[in-house]
Amino acid sequence: RSTSALSASSSRWQVIVESTTFQSCITVLILTNCITLGMQAHDQITQGLGPTLRFIVEAIEHIITFLFVCETLLRLKAYGCRGFGMKSSDARANLFDAGLVIVTGAIPMWVIPLVYWNSGGVTHSDKINVLTIFRAIRIARLVRLFHRVPMFREAWMLIRGLSESSRTLFWTCIVILFVTYVFAIFGLVMMVGQLQDAQRQVTDPEEIATIDRLLEMLAGLDRLMYTLVQVLTMDSFHSFMREILPYVPWSW
């Protein structure tokens, strides 16, 4: 009887955590958390929030962290320890979320400041903020919500298409890298060599400065590969190509 009562209790909690209302609330929390993280990152560099708004954002951060901890405890109550493991995709997602809540939420916001306070030290907020920023990874959980809510069907189709084409995109990047690498070797031997010869021959200071600027972009395998990617994407490459043509006419 006690076993059946426990099973019924777990089923009720599972209905709660799997409901659309619960998922929608968590979605709002995740999006709000990403907004506050962006505001904190912006304020860390610019100091532009002001003391009042900074206090409000920090208070919201603590509230959201508390709610995330409550969410993790509710899932633990609903699924038990077996719901946080590697046996299924949902269990892996729950384990990943719990790890983010603990490692990048509760520990840097509550545990570490409390330890420093008890020891009389001062917290290194910059290092703690680095851990806190990783909570933005939780926005990946919205993918599961897209799958479950009919309103997001088109968004789910787009995400599914991207995931199914990821292998093709990966090999496309590999082929581009290989082609760029090969042409960079040819460019170093043929084109950069001519520019270095021209640099030794010219005497005009403006021409010397121009060739020096070109060699900064081309003299080196990594530099030339980066420049070739810029040419491949047609990212304002005409400016330096016009400067190369007087010294290497066939480079076009």
Protein backbone atom coordinates (compact mmCIF):
# COMPACT_ATOMS: atom_id res chain seq x y z
CA ARG A 1 0.00 0.00 0.00
CA SER A 2 2.81 2.39 0.86
CA THR A 3 4.49 1.61 -2.47
CA SER A 4 1.32 2.38 -4.42
CA ALA A 5 0.82 5.60 -2.48
CA LEU A 6 4.39 6.65 -3.25
CA SER A 7 3.88 5.83 -6.92
CA ALA A 8 0.68 7.86 -7.01
CA SER A 9 2.43 10.79 -5.36
CA SER A 10 5.26 10.64 -7.93
CA SER A 11 2.71 10.50 -10.75
CA ARG A 12 1.04 13.65 -9.47
CA TRP A 13 4.37 15.47 -9.35
CA GLN A 14 5.21 14.24 -12.84
CA VAL A 15 1.94 15.65 -14.15
CA ILE A 16 2.87 19.00 -12.63
CA VAL A 17 6.42 19.22 -13.98
CA GLU A 18 5.37 17.98 -17.43
CA SER A 19 2.41 20.37 -17.74
CA THR A 20 2.47 23.15 -20.32
CA THR A 21 1.94 25.76 -17.59
CA PHE A 22 5.01 24.59 -15.68
CA GLN A 23 7.11 24.47 -18.85
CA SER A 24 5.94 27.96 -19.84
CA CYS A 25 6.89 29.35 -16.43
CA ILE A 26 10.35 27.81 -16.66
CA THR A 27 10.69 29.24 -20.16
CA VAL A 28 9.91 32.73 -18.87
CA LEU A 29 12.48 32.26 -16.10
CA ILE A 30 15.15 31.12 -18.56
CA LEU A 31 14.55 34.07 -20.89
CA THR A 32 14.47 36.51 -17.95
CA ASN A 33 17.71 35.00 -16.67
CA CYS A 34 19.37 35.50 -20.06
CA ILE A 35 18.28 39.16 -20.05
CA THR A 36 19.67 39.78 -16.56
CA LEU A 37 22.91 37.99 -17.47
CA GLY A 38 23.29 40.30 -20.46
CA MET A 39 22.65 43.34 -18.28
CA GLN A 40 25.25 42.19 -15.75
CA ALA A 41 27.84 41.52 -18.46
CA HIS A 42 27.18 44.98 -19.93
CA ASP A 43 27.42 46.64 -16.52
CA GLN A 44 30.66 44.81 -15.71
CA ILE A 45 32.36 46.63 -18.59
CA THR A 46 30.51 49.95 -18.81
CA GLN A 47 29.28 50.46 -15.23
CA GLY A 48 26.16 51.92 -16.82
CA LEU A 49 23.31 50.42 -14.81
CA GLY A 50 23.55 52.58 -11.74
CA PRO A 51 23.34 51.39 -8.11
CA THR A 52 19.53 51.07 -7.97
CA LEU A 53 19.13 49.08 -11.18
CA ARG A 54 22.20 47.01 -10.32
CA PHE A 55 20.62 46.07 -6.99
CA ILE A 56 17.35 45.14 -8.70
CA VAL A 57 19.12 42.95 -11.25
CA GLU A 58 21.11 41.18 -8.53
CA ALA A 59 17.93 40.61 -6.52
CA ILE A 60 16.22 39.13 -9.60
CA GLU A 61 19.25 36.87 -10.08
CA HIS A 62 18.90 35.50 -6.55
CA ILE A 63 15.15 34.98 -6.99
CA ILE A 64 15.64 33.18 -10.31
CA THR A 65 18.38 31.00 -8.84
CA PHE A 66 16.08 30.07 -5.96
CA LEU A 67 13.29 29.18 -8.40
CA PHE A 68 15.69 27.09 -10.50
CA VAL A 69 16.70 25.18 -7.35
CA CYS A 70 13.02 24.63 -6.55
CA GLU A 71 12.46 23.36 -10.10
CA THR A 72 15.32 20.88 -9.72
CA LEU A 73 13.91 19.65 -6.40
CA LEU A 74 10.45 19.25 -7.95
CA ARG A 75 11.91 17.15 -10.76
CA LEU A 76 13.82 15.09 -8.21
CA LYS A 77 10.57 14.57 -6.27
CA ALA A 78 8.73 13.59 -9.46
CA TYR A 79 11.28 11.29 -11.09
CA GLY A 80 13.58 10.29 -8.25
CA CYS A 81 17.30 9.72 -8.66
CA ARG A 82 16.62 7.56 -11.71
CA GLY A 83 15.38 10.67 -13.53
CA PHE A 84 18.90 12.15 -13.33
CA GLY A 85 21.25 9.88 -15.19
CA MET A 86 22.51 8.72 -18.57
CA LYS A 87 19.91 6.09 -19.46
CA SER A 88 17.58 8.33 -21.48
CA SER A 89 17.62 11.72 -23.17
CA ASP A 90 15.24 13.23 -20.60
CA ALA A 91 17.36 11.91 -17.72
CA ARG A 92 20.52 13.36 -19.30
CA ALA A 93 18.76 16.71 -19.81
CA ASN A 94 17.63 16.75 -16.16
CA LEU A 95 21.16 15.92 -15.01
CA PHE A 96 22.61 18.66 -17.24
CA ASP A 97 20.11 21.22 -15.91
CA ALA A 98 20.77 20.25 -12.31
CA GLY A 99 24.51 20.57 -12.86
CA LEU A 100 24.08 24.05 -14.31
CA VAL A 101 21.87 25.14 -11.43
CA ILE A 102 24.35 23.89 -8.83
CA VAL A 103 27.70 24.72 -10.47
CA THR A 104 26.83 28.05 -12.09
CA GLY A 105 23.94 29.12 -9.87
CA ALA A 106 23.86 28.11 -6.24
CA ILE A 107 27.62 27.71 -5.71
CA PRO A 108 28.86 31.07 -7.11
CA MET A 109 25.90 33.07 -5.83
CA TRP A 110 25.43 31.59 -2.36
CA VAL A 111 28.06 29.05 -1.31
CA ILE A 112 31.27 30.86 -2.31
CA PRO A 113 30.21 34.30 -0.94
CA LEU A 114 29.12 32.63 2.31
CA VAL A 115 32.47 30.83 2.65
CA TYR A 116 34.40 34.06 1.99
CA TRP A 117 32.19 35.94 4.43
CA ASN A 118 32.75 33.38 7.18
CA SER A 119 36.51 33.43 6.57
CA GLY A 120 36.64 37.23 6.54
CA GLY A 121 37.82 37.37 2.92
CA VAL A 122 36.56 39.28 -0.10
CA THR A 123 34.89 37.51 -3.00
CA HIS A 124 36.41 37.82 -6.44
CA SER A 125 33.21 38.81 -8.22
CA ASP A 126 34.77 38.76 -11.70
CA LYS A 127 35.72 35.09 -11.40
CA ILE A 128 32.31 34.23 -9.96
CA ASN A 129 30.54 36.06 -12.79
CA VAL A 130 32.35 33.85 -15.32
CA LEU A 131 30.62 30.81 -13.82
CA THR A 132 27.31 32.64 -13.64
CA ILE A 133 27.34 33.49 -17.35
CA PHE A 134 27.25 29.78 -18.21
CA ARG A 135 23.65 29.68 -17.01
CA ALA A 136 22.74 31.18 -20.39
CA ILE A 137 23.34 27.68 -21.77
CA ARG A 138 20.01 26.75 -20.18
CA ILE A 139 18.30 28.51 -23.09
CA ALA A 140 19.01 25.31 -25.02
CA ARG A 141 16.19 23.76 -22.99
CA LEU A 142 13.75 25.79 -25.08
CA VAL A 143 14.34 23.26 -27.85
CA ARG A 144 12.37 20.69 -25.87
CA LEU A 145 9.58 23.18 -25.36
CA PHE A 146 9.45 23.85 -29.12
CA HIS A 147 8.97 20.10 -29.62
CA ARG A 148 6.05 19.87 -27.19
CA VAL A 149 4.06 23.06 -27.79
CA PRO A 150 2.11 23.15 -31.12
CA MET A 151 2.49 26.93 -31.35
CA PHE A 152 6.23 26.47 -31.92
CA ARG A 153 5.87 23.79 -34.62
CA GLU A 154 7.58 25.88 -37.34
CA ALA A 155 10.47 26.72 -35.00
CA TRP A 156 10.86 23.04 -34.16
CA MET A 157 10.92 22.12 -37.85
CA LEU A 158 13.71 24.66 -38.41
CA ILE A 159 15.75 23.38 -35.46
CA ARG A 160 15.21 19.78 -36.53
CA GLY A 161 16.35 20.62 -40.07
CA LEU A 162 19.52 22.25 -38.73
CA SER A 163 20.28 19.27 -36.51
CA GLU A 164 19.73 16.77 -39.33
CA SER A 165 22.03 18.76 -41.65
CA SER A 166 24.75 19.20 -39.03
CA ARG A 167 26.84 16.34 -40.43
CA THR A 168 26.71 17.84 -43.93
CA LEU A 169 27.61 21.27 -42.55
CA PHE A 170 30.52 19.79 -40.62
CA TRP A 171 32.03 18.16 -43.72
CA THR A 172 31.40 21.35 -45.70
CA CYS A 173 33.56 23.22 -43.19
CA ILE A 174 36.23 20.52 -43.43
CA VAL A 175 36.32 20.77 -47.25
CA ILE A 176 36.52 24.58 -47.09
CA LEU A 177 39.36 24.29 -44.57
CA PHE A 178 41.25 21.85 -46.79
CA VAL A 179 40.81 23.96 -49.94
CA THR A 180 41.83 27.12 -48.08
CA TYR A 181 44.88 25.36 -46.67
CA VAL A 182 46.03 24.18 -50.12
CA PHE A 183 45.60 27.59 -51.74
CA ALA A 184 47.31 29.26 -48.77
CA ILE A 185 50.42 27.12 -49.42
CA PHE A 186 50.42 28.12 -53.09
CA GLY A 187 49.91 31.76 -52.12
CA LEU A 188 52.83 31.73 -49.69
CA VAL A 189 55.19 30.27 -52.26
CA MET A 190 54.12 32.34 -55.28
CA MET A 191 52.32 35.53 -54.21
CA VAL A 192 53.92 36.41 -50.87
CA GLY A 193 57.36 35.72 -52.32
CA GLN A 194 56.77 38.32 -55.05
CA LEU A 195 55.61 40.85 -52.48
CA GLN A 196 58.78 40.32 -50.44
CA ASP A 197 60.89 40.76 -53.57
CA ALA A 198 59.03 43.99 -54.36
CA GLN A 199 59.57 45.18 -50.80
CA ARG A 200 63.34 44.87 -51.22
CA GLN A 201 63.29 46.79 -54.50
CA VAL A 202 61.03 49.78 -53.80
CA THR A 203 62.31 52.95 -52.20
CA ASP A 204 59.17 55.05 -51.94
CA PRO A 205 58.04 55.23 -48.27
CA GLU A 206 54.34 55.02 -49.24
CA GLU A 207 54.92 51.86 -51.29
CA ILE A 208 56.97 50.35 -48.47
CA ALA A 209 54.12 51.07 -46.03
CA THR A 210 51.60 49.54 -48.45
CA ILE A 211 53.62 46.34 -48.87
CA ASP A 212 54.16 46.11 -45.12
CA ARG A 213 50.41 46.33 -44.61
CA LEU A 214 49.82 43.63 -47.21
CA LEU A 215 52.41 41.34 -45.65
CA GLU A 216 50.71 41.71 -42.30
CA MET A 217 47.64 40.09 -43.90
CA LEU A 218 49.46 37.54 -46.08
CA ALA A 219 52.88 36.65 -44.63
CA GLY A 220 52.09 33.46 -42.76
CA LEU A 221 49.97 30.36 -43.26
CA ASP A 222 47.43 31.36 -40.64
CA ARG A 223 47.24 34.97 -41.87
CA LEU A 224 46.82 33.97 -45.50
CA MET A 225 44.14 31.38 -44.65
CA TYR A 226 42.23 34.03 -42.73
CA THR A 227 42.52 36.42 -45.68
CA LEU A 228 41.37 33.71 -48.10
CA VAL A 229 38.27 33.12 -45.98
CA GLN A 230 37.62 36.85 -46.20
CA VAL A 231 37.89 36.59 -49.99
CA LEU A 232 35.63 33.52 -49.98
CA THR A 233 32.91 35.40 -48.08
CA MET A 234 33.47 38.56 -50.20
CA ASP A 235 34.03 40.57 -47.05
CA SER A 236 35.49 43.88 -48.33
CA PHE A 237 38.38 42.14 -50.04
CA HIS A 238 38.46 44.56 -53.00
CA SER A 239 40.44 47.17 -51.07
CA PHE A 240 43.53 45.06 -50.47
CA MET A 241 43.19 43.20 -53.78
CA ARG A 242 43.60 46.50 -55.64
CA GLU A 243 46.78 47.13 -53.64
CA ILE A 244 48.15 43.67 -54.46
CA LEU A 245 47.55 43.89 -58.23
CA PRO A 246 50.43 46.32 -59.03
CA TYR A 247 52.91 43.88 -57.48
CA VAL A 248 51.24 40.54 -58.35
CA PRO A 249 49.15 41.18 -61.48
CA TRP A 250 47.82 37.62 -61.78
CA SER A 251 46.52 37.50 -58.20
CA TRP A 252 43.00 38.55 -59.15
